[in-house]
mmCIF file of all heavy atoms, coordinates in Angstrom:
data_MODEL
# 
_entry.id   MODEL 
# 
loop_
_atom_site.group_PDB 
_atom_site.id 
_atom_site.type_symbol 
_atom_site.label_atom_id 
_atom_site.label_alt_id 
_atom_site.label_comp_id 
_atom_site.label_asym_id 
_atom_site.label_entity_id 
_atom_site.label_seq_id 
_atom_site.pdbx_PDB_ins_code 
_atom_site.Cartn_x 
_atom_site.Cartn_y 
_atom_site.Cartn_z 
_atom_site.occupancy 
_atom_site.B_iso_or_equiv 
_atom_site.pdbx_formal_charge 
_atom_site.auth_seq_id 
_atom_site.auth_comp_id 
_atom_site.auth_asym_id 
_atom_site.auth_atom_id 
_atom_site.pdbx_PDB_model_num 
ATOM 1   N N   . GLY A 1 1  ? 168.375 19.362 77.192 1.00 0.00 ? 1  GLY A N   1 
ATOM 2   C CA  . GLY A 1 1  ? 167.475 18.418 77.843 1.00 0.00 ? 1  GLY A CA  1 
ATOM 3   C C   . GLY A 1 1  ? 167.854 18.184 79.286 1.00 0.00 ? 1  GLY A C   1 
ATOM 4   O O   . GLY A 1 1  ? 168.160 19.138 80.025 1.00 0.00 ? 1  GLY A O   1 
ATOM 5   N N   . ALA A 1 2  ? 167.890 16.918 79.688 1.00 0.00 ? 2  ALA A N   1 
ATOM 6   C CA  . ALA A 1 2  ? 168.107 16.543 81.083 1.00 0.00 ? 2  ALA A CA  1 
ATOM 7   C C   . ALA A 1 2  ? 169.596 16.458 81.406 1.00 0.00 ? 2  ALA A C   1 
ATOM 8   O O   . ALA A 1 2  ? 170.096 15.416 81.812 1.00 0.00 ? 2  ALA A O   1 
ATOM 9   C CB  . ALA A 1 2  ? 167.395 15.233 81.393 1.00 0.00 ? 2  ALA A CB  1 
ATOM 10  N N   . TRP A 1 3  ? 170.284 17.563 81.222 1.00 0.00 ? 3  TRP A N   1 
ATOM 11  C CA  . TRP A 1 3  ? 171.694 17.656 81.597 1.00 0.00 ? 3  TRP A CA  1 
ATOM 12  C C   . TRP A 1 3  ? 172.048 19.119 81.775 1.00 0.00 ? 3  TRP A C   1 
ATOM 13  O O   . TRP A 1 3  ? 171.374 20.006 81.256 1.00 0.00 ? 3  TRP A O   1 
ATOM 14  C CB  . TRP A 1 3  ? 172.612 16.985 80.571 1.00 0.00 ? 3  TRP A CB  1 
ATOM 15  C CG  . TRP A 1 3  ? 172.483 17.500 79.162 1.00 0.00 ? 3  TRP A CG  1 
ATOM 16  C CD1 . TRP A 1 3  ? 171.618 17.082 78.205 1.00 0.00 ? 3  TRP A CD1 1 
ATOM 17  C CD2 . TRP A 1 3  ? 173.261 18.551 78.560 1.00 0.00 ? 3  TRP A CD2 1 
ATOM 18  N NE1 . TRP A 1 3  ? 171.793 17.790 77.039 1.00 0.00 ? 3  TRP A NE1 1 
ATOM 19  C CE2 . TRP A 1 3  ? 172.799 18.694 77.225 1.00 0.00 ? 3  TRP A CE2 1 
ATOM 20  C CE3 . TRP A 1 3  ? 174.307 19.363 78.993 1.00 0.00 ? 3  TRP A CE3 1 
ATOM 21  C CZ2 . TRP A 1 3  ? 173.342 19.631 76.338 1.00 0.00 ? 3  TRP A CZ2 1 
ATOM 22  C CZ3 . TRP A 1 3  ? 174.852 20.291 78.113 1.00 0.00 ? 3  TRP A CZ3 1 
ATOM 23  C CH2 . TRP A 1 3  ? 174.379 20.420 76.806 1.00 0.00 ? 3  TRP A CH2 1 
ATOM 24  N N   . LEU A 1 4  ? 173.126 19.354 82.502 1.00 0.00 ? 4  LEU A N   1 
ATOM 25  C CA  . LEU A 1 4  ? 173.514 20.712 82.851 1.00 0.00 ? 4  LEU A CA  1 
ATOM 26  C C   . LEU A 1 4  ? 175.023 20.875 82.759 1.00 0.00 ? 4  LEU A C   1 
ATOM 27  O O   . LEU A 1 4  ? 175.778 19.934 83.001 1.00 0.00 ? 4  LEU A O   1 
ATOM 28  C CB  . LEU A 1 4  ? 173.062 21.052 84.285 1.00 0.00 ? 4  LEU A CB  1 
ATOM 29  C CG  . LEU A 1 4  ? 171.562 20.961 84.592 1.00 0.00 ? 4  LEU A CG  1 
ATOM 30  C CD1 . LEU A 1 4  ? 171.330 21.006 86.095 1.00 0.00 ? 4  LEU A CD1 1 
ATOM 31  C CD2 . LEU A 1 4  ? 170.803 22.083 83.902 1.00 0.00 ? 4  LEU A CD2 1 
ATOM 32  N N   . GLY A 1 5  ? 175.464 22.075 82.415 1.00 0.00 ? 5  GLY A N   1 
ATOM 33  C CA  . GLY A 1 5  ? 176.869 22.437 82.553 1.00 0.00 ? 5  GLY A CA  1 
ATOM 34  C C   . GLY A 1 5  ? 177.772 21.983 81.426 1.00 0.00 ? 5  GLY A C   1 
ATOM 35  O O   . GLY A 1 5  ? 177.362 21.329 80.461 1.00 0.00 ? 5  GLY A O   1 
ATOM 36  N N   . GLU A 1 6  ? 179.048 22.306 81.588 1.00 0.00 ? 6  GLU A N   1 
ATOM 37  C CA  . GLU A 1 6  ? 180.064 22.061 80.560 1.00 0.00 ? 6  GLU A CA  1 
ATOM 38  C C   . GLU A 1 6  ? 180.244 20.591 80.238 1.00 0.00 ? 6  GLU A C   1 
ATOM 39  O O   . GLU A 1 6  ? 180.476 20.220 79.085 1.00 0.00 ? 6  GLU A O   1 
ATOM 40  C CB  . GLU A 1 6  ? 181.392 22.658 81.028 1.00 0.00 ? 6  GLU A CB  1 
ATOM 41  C CG  . GLU A 1 6  ? 182.559 22.415 80.091 1.00 0.00 ? 6  GLU A CG  1 
ATOM 42  C CD  . GLU A 1 6  ? 183.878 22.928 80.638 1.00 0.00 ? 6  GLU A CD  1 
ATOM 43  O OE1 . GLU A 1 6  ? 183.877 23.505 81.761 1.00 0.00 ? 6  GLU A OE1 1 
ATOM 44  O OE2 . GLU A 1 6  ? 184.909 22.758 79.956 1.00 0.00 ? 6  GLU A OE2 1 
ATOM 45  N N   . TYR A 1 7  ? 180.147 19.734 81.230 1.00 0.00 ? 7  TYR A N   1 
ATOM 46  C CA  . TYR A 1 7  ? 180.429 18.314 81.022 1.00 0.00 ? 7  TYR A CA  1 
ATOM 47  C C   . TYR A 1 7  ? 179.169 17.477 80.841 1.00 0.00 ? 7  TYR A C   1 
ATOM 48  O O   . TYR A 1 7  ? 179.255 16.285 80.548 1.00 0.00 ? 7  TYR A O   1 
ATOM 49  C CB  . TYR A 1 7  ? 181.262 17.775 82.195 1.00 0.00 ? 7  TYR A CB  1 
ATOM 50  C CG  . TYR A 1 7  ? 182.595 18.458 82.327 1.00 0.00 ? 7  TYR A CG  1 
ATOM 51  C CD1 . TYR A 1 7  ? 182.782 19.491 83.264 1.00 0.00 ? 7  TYR A CD1 1 
ATOM 52  C CD2 . TYR A 1 7  ? 183.657 18.113 81.505 1.00 0.00 ? 7  TYR A CD2 1 
ATOM 53  C CE1 . TYR A 1 7  ? 184.004 20.131 83.371 1.00 0.00 ? 7  TYR A CE1 1 
ATOM 54  C CE2 . TYR A 1 7  ? 184.886 18.759 81.604 1.00 0.00 ? 7  TYR A CE2 1 
ATOM 55  C CZ  . TYR A 1 7  ? 185.051 19.772 82.544 1.00 0.00 ? 7  TYR A CZ  1 
ATOM 56  O OH  . TYR A 1 7  ? 186.262 20.420 82.646 1.00 0.00 ? 7  TYR A OH  1 
ATOM 57  N N   . GLY A 1 8  ? 178.010 18.091 81.014 1.00 0.00 ? 8  GLY A N   1 
ATOM 58  C CA  . GLY A 1 8  ? 176.766 17.368 80.809 1.00 0.00 ? 8  GLY A CA  1 
ATOM 59  C C   . GLY A 1 8  ? 176.518 17.092 79.344 1.00 0.00 ? 8  GLY A C   1 
ATOM 60  O O   . GLY A 1 8  ? 177.024 17.793 78.455 1.00 0.00 ? 8  GLY A O   1 
ATOM 61  N N   . GLY A 1 9  ? 175.728 16.062 79.063 1.00 0.00 ? 9  GLY A N   1 
ATOM 62  C CA  . GLY A 1 9  ? 175.362 15.739 77.690 1.00 0.00 ? 9  GLY A CA  1 
ATOM 63  C C   . GLY A 1 9  ? 176.417 15.006 76.911 1.00 0.00 ? 9  GLY A C   1 
ATOM 64  O O   . GLY A 1 9  ? 176.289 14.841 75.697 1.00 0.00 ? 9  GLY A O   1 
ATOM 65  N N   . LEU A 1 10 ? 177.476 14.530 77.588 1.00 0.00 ? 10 LEU A N   1 
ATOM 66  C CA  . LEU A 1 10 ? 178.552 13.781 76.938 1.00 0.00 ? 10 LEU A CA  1 
ATOM 67  C C   . LEU A 1 10 ? 178.635 12.379 77.535 1.00 0.00 ? 10 LEU A C   1 
ATOM 68  O O   . LEU A 1 10 ? 178.214 12.149 78.676 1.00 0.00 ? 10 LEU A O   1 
ATOM 69  C CB  . LEU A 1 10 ? 179.892 14.497 77.109 1.00 0.00 ? 10 LEU A CB  1 
ATOM 70  C CG  . LEU A 1 10 ? 180.050 15.823 76.358 1.00 0.00 ? 10 LEU A CG  1 
ATOM 71  C CD1 . LEU A 1 10 ? 181.298 16.553 76.833 1.00 0.00 ? 10 LEU A CD1 1 
ATOM 72  C CD2 . LEU A 1 10 ? 180.105 15.585 74.852 1.00 0.00 ? 10 LEU A CD2 1 
ATOM 73  N N   . PRO A 1 11 ? 179.205 11.413 76.797 1.00 0.00 ? 11 PRO A N   1 
ATOM 74  C CA  . PRO A 1 11 ? 179.324 10.061 77.349 1.00 0.00 ? 11 PRO A CA  1 
ATOM 75  C C   . PRO A 1 11 ? 180.161 10.040 78.622 1.00 0.00 ? 11 PRO A C   1 
ATOM 76  O O   . PRO A 1 11 ? 181.146 10.774 78.755 1.00 0.00 ? 11 PRO A O   1 
ATOM 77  C CB  . PRO A 1 11 ? 180.028 9.281  76.222 1.00 0.00 ? 11 PRO A CB  1 
ATOM 78  C CG  . PRO A 1 11 ? 179.733 10.053 74.985 1.00 0.00 ? 11 PRO A CG  1 
ATOM 79  C CD  . PRO A 1 11 ? 179.687 11.492 75.408 1.00 0.00 ? 11 PRO A CD  1 
ATOM 80  N N   . GLY A 1 12 ? 179.759 9.198  79.552 1.00 0.00 ? 12 GLY A N   1 
ATOM 81  C CA  . GLY A 1 12 ? 180.474 9.078  80.810 1.00 0.00 ? 12 GLY A CA  1 
ATOM 82  C C   . GLY A 1 12 ? 181.633 8.097  80.740 1.00 0.00 ? 12 GLY A C   1 
ATOM 83  O O   . GLY A 1 12 ? 181.779 7.341  79.775 1.00 0.00 ? 12 GLY A O   1 
ATOM 84  N N   . ARG A 1 13 ? 182.442 8.125  81.768 1.00 0.00 ? 13 ARG A N   1 
ATOM 85  C CA  . ARG A 1 13 ? 183.564 7.196  81.891 1.00 0.00 ? 13 ARG A CA  1 
ATOM 86  C C   . ARG A 1 13 ? 183.134 5.971  82.696 1.00 0.00 ? 13 ARG A C   1 
ATOM 87  O O   . ARG A 1 13 ? 182.056 5.934  83.291 1.00 0.00 ? 13 ARG A O   1 
ATOM 88  C CB  . ARG A 1 13 ? 184.749 7.877  82.571 1.00 0.00 ? 13 ARG A CB  1 
ATOM 89  C CG  . ARG A 1 13 ? 185.217 9.149  81.879 1.00 0.00 ? 13 ARG A CG  1 
ATOM 90  C CD  . ARG A 1 13 ? 186.436 9.745  82.570 1.00 0.00 ? 13 ARG A CD  1 
ATOM 91  N NE  . ARG A 1 13 ? 186.734 11.078 82.056 1.00 0.00 ? 13 ARG A NE  1 
ATOM 92  C CZ  . ARG A 1 13 ? 187.766 11.826 82.449 1.00 0.00 ? 13 ARG A CZ  1 
ATOM 93  N NH1 . ARG A 1 13 ? 188.597 11.367 83.381 1.00 0.00 ? 13 ARG A NH1 1 
ATOM 94  N NH2 . ARG A 1 13 ? 187.968 13.031 81.938 1.00 0.00 ? 13 ARG A NH2 1 
ATOM 95  N N   . GLN A 1 14 ? 183.989 4.993  82.729 1.00 0.00 ? 14 GLN A N   1 
ATOM 96  C CA  . GLN A 1 14 ? 183.729 3.795  83.530 1.00 0.00 ? 14 GLN A CA  1 
ATOM 97  C C   . GLN A 1 14 ? 185.052 3.189  83.965 1.00 0.00 ? 14 GLN A C   1 
ATOM 98  O O   . GLN A 1 14 ? 185.988 3.078  83.170 1.00 0.00 ? 14 GLN A O   1 
ATOM 99  C CB  . GLN A 1 14 ? 182.924 2.752  82.756 1.00 0.00 ? 14 GLN A CB  1 
ATOM 100 C CG  . GLN A 1 14 ? 182.628 1.506  83.579 1.00 0.00 ? 14 GLN A CG  1 
ATOM 101 C CD  . GLN A 1 14 ? 181.858 0.443  82.826 1.00 0.00 ? 14 GLN A CD  1 
ATOM 102 O OE1 . GLN A 1 14 ? 181.128 -0.334 83.416 1.00 0.00 ? 14 GLN A OE1 1 
ATOM 103 N NE2 . GLN A 1 14 ? 182.024 0.378  81.507 1.00 0.00 ? 14 GLN A NE2 1 
ATOM 104 N N   . GLY A 1 15 ? 185.134 2.810  85.230 1.00 0.00 ? 15 GLY A N   1 
ATOM 105 C CA  . GLY A 1 15 ? 186.328 2.156  85.744 1.00 0.00 ? 15 GLY A CA  1 
ATOM 106 C C   . GLY A 1 15 ? 185.969 0.957  86.593 1.00 0.00 ? 15 GLY A C   1 
ATOM 107 O O   . GLY A 1 15 ? 184.795 0.646  86.810 1.00 0.00 ? 15 GLY A O   1 
ATOM 108 N N   . THR A 1 16 ? 186.993 0.287  87.080 1.00 0.00 ? 16 THR A N   1 
ATOM 109 C CA  . THR A 1 16 ? 186.813 -0.865 87.957 1.00 0.00 ? 16 THR A CA  1 
ATOM 110 C C   . THR A 1 16 ? 186.551 -0.386 89.375 1.00 0.00 ? 16 THR A C   1 
ATOM 111 O O   . THR A 1 16 ? 187.247 0.493  89.890 1.00 0.00 ? 16 THR A O   1 
ATOM 112 C CB  . THR A 1 16 ? 188.064 -1.757 87.937 1.00 0.00 ? 16 THR A CB  1 
ATOM 113 O OG1 . THR A 1 16 ? 188.298 -2.192 86.588 1.00 0.00 ? 16 THR A OG1 1 
ATOM 114 C CG2 . THR A 1 16 ? 187.895 -2.964 88.834 1.00 0.00 ? 16 THR A CG2 1 
ATOM 115 N N   . VAL A 1 17 ? 185.543 -0.969 90.014 1.00 0.00 ? 17 VAL A N   1 
ATOM 116 C CA  . VAL A 1 17 ? 185.167 -0.583 91.369 1.00 0.00 ? 17 VAL A CA  1 
ATOM 117 C C   . VAL A 1 17 ? 184.901 -1.826 92.202 1.00 0.00 ? 17 VAL A C   1 
ATOM 118 O O   . VAL A 1 17 ? 184.677 -2.916 91.674 1.00 0.00 ? 17 VAL A O   1 
ATOM 119 C CB  . VAL A 1 17 ? 183.900 0.310  91.368 1.00 0.00 ? 17 VAL A CB  1 
ATOM 120 C CG1 . VAL A 1 17 ? 184.160 1.615  90.625 1.00 0.00 ? 17 VAL A CG1 1 
ATOM 121 C CG2 . VAL A 1 17 ? 182.702 -0.421 90.762 1.00 0.00 ? 17 VAL A CG2 1 
ATOM 122 N N   . THR A 1 18 ? 184.927 -1.630 93.518 1.00 0.00 ? 18 THR A N   1 
ATOM 123 C CA  . THR A 1 18 ? 184.471 -2.652 94.453 1.00 0.00 ? 18 THR A CA  1 
ATOM 124 C C   . THR A 1 18 ? 183.292 -2.088 95.222 1.00 0.00 ? 18 THR A C   1 
ATOM 125 O O   . THR A 1 18 ? 183.358 -0.979 95.766 1.00 0.00 ? 18 THR A O   1 
ATOM 126 C CB  . THR A 1 18 ? 185.587 -3.054 95.427 1.00 0.00 ? 18 THR A CB  1 
ATOM 127 O OG1 . THR A 1 18 ? 186.670 -3.642 94.695 1.00 0.00 ? 18 THR A OG1 1 
ATOM 128 C CG2 . THR A 1 18 ? 185.085 -4.073 96.447 1.00 0.00 ? 18 THR A CG2 1 
ATOM 129 N N   . PHE A 1 19 ? 182.203 -2.852 95.257 1.00 0.00 ? 19 PHE A N   1 
ATOM 130 C CA  . PHE A 1 19 ? 180.973 -2.401 95.919 1.00 0.00 ? 19 PHE A CA  1 
ATOM 131 C C   . PHE A 1 19 ? 180.258 -3.616 96.478 1.00 0.00 ? 19 PHE A C   1 
ATOM 132 O O   . PHE A 1 19 ? 180.026 -4.592 95.754 1.00 0.00 ? 19 PHE A O   1 
ATOM 133 C CB  . PHE A 1 19 ? 180.090 -1.660 94.909 1.00 0.00 ? 19 PHE A CB  1 
ATOM 134 C CG  . PHE A 1 19 ? 178.802 -1.130 95.472 1.00 0.00 ? 19 PHE A CG  1 
ATOM 135 C CD1 . PHE A 1 19 ? 178.789 -0.262 96.555 1.00 0.00 ? 19 PHE A CD1 1 
ATOM 136 C CD2 . PHE A 1 19 ? 177.579 -1.496 94.896 1.00 0.00 ? 19 PHE A CD2 1 
ATOM 137 C CE1 . PHE A 1 19 ? 177.589 0.243  97.060 1.00 0.00 ? 19 PHE A CE1 1 
ATOM 138 C CE2 . PHE A 1 19 ? 176.374 -0.990 95.391 1.00 0.00 ? 19 PHE A CE2 1 
ATOM 139 C CZ  . PHE A 1 19 ? 176.388 -0.127 96.476 1.00 0.00 ? 19 PHE A CZ  1 
ATOM 140 N N   . GLN A 1 20 ? 179.959 -3.557 97.757 1.00 0.00 ? 20 GLN A N   1 
ATOM 141 C CA  . GLN A 1 20 ? 179.235 -4.641 98.433 1.00 0.00 ? 20 GLN A CA  1 
ATOM 142 C C   . GLN A 1 20 ? 179.894 -6.001 98.203 1.00 0.00 ? 20 GLN A C   1 
ATOM 143 O O   . GLN A 1 20 ? 179.237 -7.001 97.930 1.00 0.00 ? 20 GLN A O   1 
ATOM 144 C CB  . GLN A 1 20 ? 177.766 -4.652 97.978 1.00 0.00 ? 20 GLN A CB  1 
ATOM 145 C CG  . GLN A 1 20 ? 177.026 -3.387 98.362 1.00 0.00 ? 20 GLN A CG  1 
ATOM 146 C CD  . GLN A 1 20 ? 175.579 -3.370 97.913 1.00 0.00 ? 20 GLN A CD  1 
ATOM 147 O OE1 . GLN A 1 20 ? 175.166 -4.159 97.061 1.00 0.00 ? 20 GLN A OE1 1 
ATOM 148 N NE2 . GLN A 1 20 ? 174.768 -2.474 98.481 1.00 0.00 ? 20 GLN A NE2 1 
ATOM 149 N N   . GLY A 1 21 ? 181.226 -6.004 98.278 1.00 0.00 ? 21 GLY A N   1 
ATOM 150 C CA  . GLY A 1 21 ? 181.989 -7.245 98.209 1.00 0.00 ? 21 GLY A CA  1 
ATOM 151 C C   . GLY A 1 21 ? 182.280 -7.766 96.817 1.00 0.00 ? 21 GLY A C   1 
ATOM 152 O O   . GLY A 1 21 ? 182.884 -8.832 96.668 1.00 0.00 ? 21 GLY A O   1 
ATOM 153 N N   . ARG A 1 22 ? 181.877 -7.031 95.780 1.00 0.00 ? 22 ARG A N   1 
ATOM 154 C CA  . ARG A 1 22 ? 182.109 -7.467 94.401 1.00 0.00 ? 22 ARG A CA  1 
ATOM 155 C C   . ARG A 1 22 ? 182.974 -6.451 93.681 1.00 0.00 ? 22 ARG A C   1 
ATOM 156 O O   . ARG A 1 22 ? 182.867 -5.254 93.919 1.00 0.00 ? 22 ARG A O   1 
ATOM 157 C CB  . ARG A 1 22 ? 180.773 -7.651 93.659 1.00 0.00 ? 22 ARG A CB  1 
ATOM 158 C CG  . ARG A 1 22 ? 179.864 -8.680 94.286 1.00 0.00 ? 22 ARG A CG  1 
ATOM 159 C CD  . ARG A 1 22 ? 178.464 -8.630 93.694 1.00 0.00 ? 22 ARG A CD  1 
ATOM 160 N NE  . ARG A 1 22 ? 178.496 -8.887 92.257 1.00 0.00 ? 22 ARG A NE  1 
ATOM 161 C CZ  . ARG A 1 22 ? 177.902 -8.112 91.354 1.00 0.00 ? 22 ARG A CZ  1 
ATOM 162 N NH1 . ARG A 1 22 ? 177.262 -7.000 91.725 1.00 0.00 ? 22 ARG A NH1 1 
ATOM 163 N NH2 . ARG A 1 22 ? 177.951 -8.419 90.075 1.00 0.00 ? 22 ARG A NH2 1 
ATOM 164 N N   . THR A 1 23 ? 183.818 -6.943 92.762 1.00 0.00 ? 23 THR A N   1 
ATOM 165 C CA  . THR A 1 23 ? 184.734 -6.070 92.018 1.00 0.00 ? 23 THR A CA  1 
ATOM 166 C C   . THR A 1 23 ? 184.556 -6.278 90.521 1.00 0.00 ? 23 THR A C   1 
ATOM 167 O O   . THR A 1 23 ? 184.433 -7.417 90.048 1.00 0.00 ? 23 THR A O   1 
ATOM 168 C CB  . THR A 1 23 ? 186.192 -6.355 92.408 1.00 0.00 ? 23 THR A CB  1 
ATOM 169 O OG1 . THR A 1 23 ? 186.370 -6.082 93.802 1.00 0.00 ? 23 THR A OG1 1 
ATOM 170 C CG2 . THR A 1 23 ? 187.160 -5.471 91.614 1.00 0.00 ? 23 THR A CG2 1 
ATOM 171 N N   . GLY A 1 24 ? 184.532 -5.176 89.776 1.00 0.00 ? 24 GLY A N   1 
ATOM 172 C CA  . GLY A 1 24 ? 184.402 -5.249 88.322 1.00 0.00 ? 24 GLY A CA  1 
ATOM 173 C C   . GLY A 1 24 ? 184.073 -3.882 87.764 1.00 0.00 ? 24 GLY A C   1 
ATOM 174 O O   . GLY A 1 24 ? 184.111 -2.871 88.477 1.00 0.00 ? 24 GLY A O   1 
ATOM 175 N N   . PRO A 1 25 ? 183.732 -3.796 86.469 1.00 0.00 ? 25 PRO A N   1 
ATOM 176 C CA  . PRO A 1 25 ? 183.323 -2.519 85.883 1.00 0.00 ? 25 PRO A CA  1 
ATOM 177 C C   . PRO A 1 25 ? 182.078 -1.966 86.586 1.00 0.00 ? 25 PRO A C   1 
ATOM 178 O O   . PRO A 1 25 ? 181.220 -2.731 87.026 1.00 0.00 ? 25 PRO A O   1 
ATOM 179 C CB  . PRO A 1 25 ? 183.029 -2.871 84.422 1.00 0.00 ? 25 PRO A CB  1 
ATOM 180 C CG  . PRO A 1 25 ? 183.754 -4.153 84.171 1.00 0.00 ? 25 PRO A CG  1 
ATOM 181 C CD  . PRO A 1 25 ? 183.746 -4.888 85.476 1.00 0.00 ? 25 PRO A CD  1 
ATOM 182 N N   . TRP A 1 26 ? 181.976 -0.650 86.628 1.00 0.00 ? 26 TRP A N   1 
ATOM 183 C CA  . TRP A 1 26 ? 180.855 0.004  87.315 1.00 0.00 ? 26 TRP A CA  1 
ATOM 184 C C   . TRP A 1 26 ? 179.508 -0.571 86.883 1.00 0.00 ? 26 TRP A C   1 
ATOM 185 O O   . TRP A 1 26 ? 178.666 -0.878 87.729 1.00 0.00 ? 26 TRP A O   1 
ATOM 186 C CB  . TRP A 1 26 ? 180.893 1.512  87.033 1.00 0.00 ? 26 TRP A CB  1 
ATOM 187 C CG  . TRP A 1 26 ? 179.757 2.268  87.644 1.00 0.00 ? 26 TRP A CG  1 
ATOM 188 C CD1 . TRP A 1 26 ? 178.479 2.358  87.173 1.00 0.00 ? 26 TRP A CD1 1 
ATOM 189 C CD2 . TRP A 1 26 ? 179.790 3.023  88.864 1.00 0.00 ? 26 TRP A CD2 1 
ATOM 190 N NE1 . TRP A 1 26 ? 177.706 3.133  88.014 1.00 0.00 ? 26 TRP A NE1 1 
ATOM 191 C CE2 . TRP A 1 26 ? 178.484 3.543  89.054 1.00 0.00 ? 26 TRP A CE2 1 
ATOM 192 C CE3 . TRP A 1 26 ? 180.782 3.307  89.791 1.00 0.00 ? 26 TRP A CE3 1 
ATOM 193 C CZ2 . TRP A 1 26 ? 178.160 4.353  90.147 1.00 0.00 ? 26 TRP A CZ2 1 
ATOM 194 C CZ3 . TRP A 1 26 ? 180.461 4.108  90.889 1.00 0.00 ? 26 TRP A CZ3 1 
ATOM 195 C CH2 . TRP A 1 26 ? 179.182 4.615  91.057 1.00 0.00 ? 26 TRP A CH2 1 
ATOM 196 N N   . ASP A 1 27 ? 179.289 -0.702 85.574 1.00 0.00 ? 27 ASP A N   1 
ATOM 197 C CA  . ASP A 1 27 ? 177.982 -1.168 85.082 1.00 0.00 ? 27 ASP A CA  1 
ATOM 198 C C   . ASP A 1 27 ? 177.632 -2.535 85.634 1.00 0.00 ? 27 ASP A C   1 
ATOM 199 O O   . ASP A 1 27 ? 176.461 -2.816 85.936 1.00 0.00 ? 27 ASP A O   1 
ATOM 200 C CB  . ASP A 1 27 ? 177.978 -1.233 83.556 1.00 0.00 ? 27 ASP A CB  1 
ATOM 201 C CG  . ASP A 1 27 ? 178.152 0.127  82.900 1.00 0.00 ? 27 ASP A CG  1 
ATOM 202 O OD1 . ASP A 1 27 ? 178.020 1.156  83.589 1.00 0.00 ? 27 ASP A OD1 1 
ATOM 203 O OD2 . ASP A 1 27 ? 178.436 0.156  81.687 1.00 0.00 ? 27 ASP A OD2 1 
ATOM 204 N N   . ASP A 1 28 ? 178.620 -3.406 85.760 1.00 0.00 ? 28 ASP A N   1 
ATOM 205 C CA  . ASP A 1 28 ? 178.374 -4.771 86.231 1.00 0.00 ? 28 ASP A CA  1 
ATOM 206 C C   . ASP A 1 28 ? 178.147 -4.819 87.736 1.00 0.00 ? 28 ASP A C   1 
ATOM 207 O O   . ASP A 1 28 ? 177.429 -5.696 88.229 1.00 0.00 ? 28 ASP A O   1 
ATOM 208 C CB  . ASP A 1 28 ? 179.556 -5.677 85.884 1.00 0.00 ? 28 ASP A CB  1 
ATOM 209 C CG  . ASP A 1 28 ? 179.760 -5.844 84.389 1.00 0.00 ? 28 ASP A CG  1 
ATOM 210 O OD1 . ASP A 1 28 ? 178.886 -5.396 83.616 1.00 0.00 ? 28 ASP A OD1 1 
ATOM 211 O OD2 . ASP A 1 28 ? 180.805 -6.407 83.987 1.00 0.00 ? 28 ASP A OD2 1 
ATOM 212 N N   . ILE A 1 29 ? 178.766 -3.900 88.462 1.00 0.00 ? 29 ILE A N   1 
ATOM 213 C CA  . ILE A 1 29 ? 178.773 -3.989 89.923 1.00 0.00 ? 29 ILE A CA  1 
ATOM 214 C C   . ILE A 1 29 ? 177.746 -3.060 90.561 1.00 0.00 ? 29 ILE A C   1 
ATOM 215 O O   . ILE A 1 29 ? 176.966 -3.475 91.424 1.00 0.00 ? 29 ILE A O   1 
ATOM 216 C CB  . ILE A 1 29 ? 180.184 -3.676 90.469 1.00 0.00 ? 29 ILE A CB  1 
ATOM 217 C CG1 . ILE A 1 29 ? 181.217 -4.627 89.849 1.00 0.00 ? 29 ILE A CG1 1 
ATOM 218 C CG2 . ILE A 1 29 ? 180.203 -3.775 91.995 1.00 0.00 ? 29 ILE A CG2 1 
ATOM 219 C CD1 . ILE A 1 29 ? 180.934 -6.098 90.052 1.00 0.00 ? 29 ILE A CD1 1 
# 
């Protein structure tokens, strides 16, 4: 479907990030 390559089609990772002055998990920020 809508994915390509060896690593496509698998669950992604998530870490803590800072973006536009806010810090937290990627999904939240």
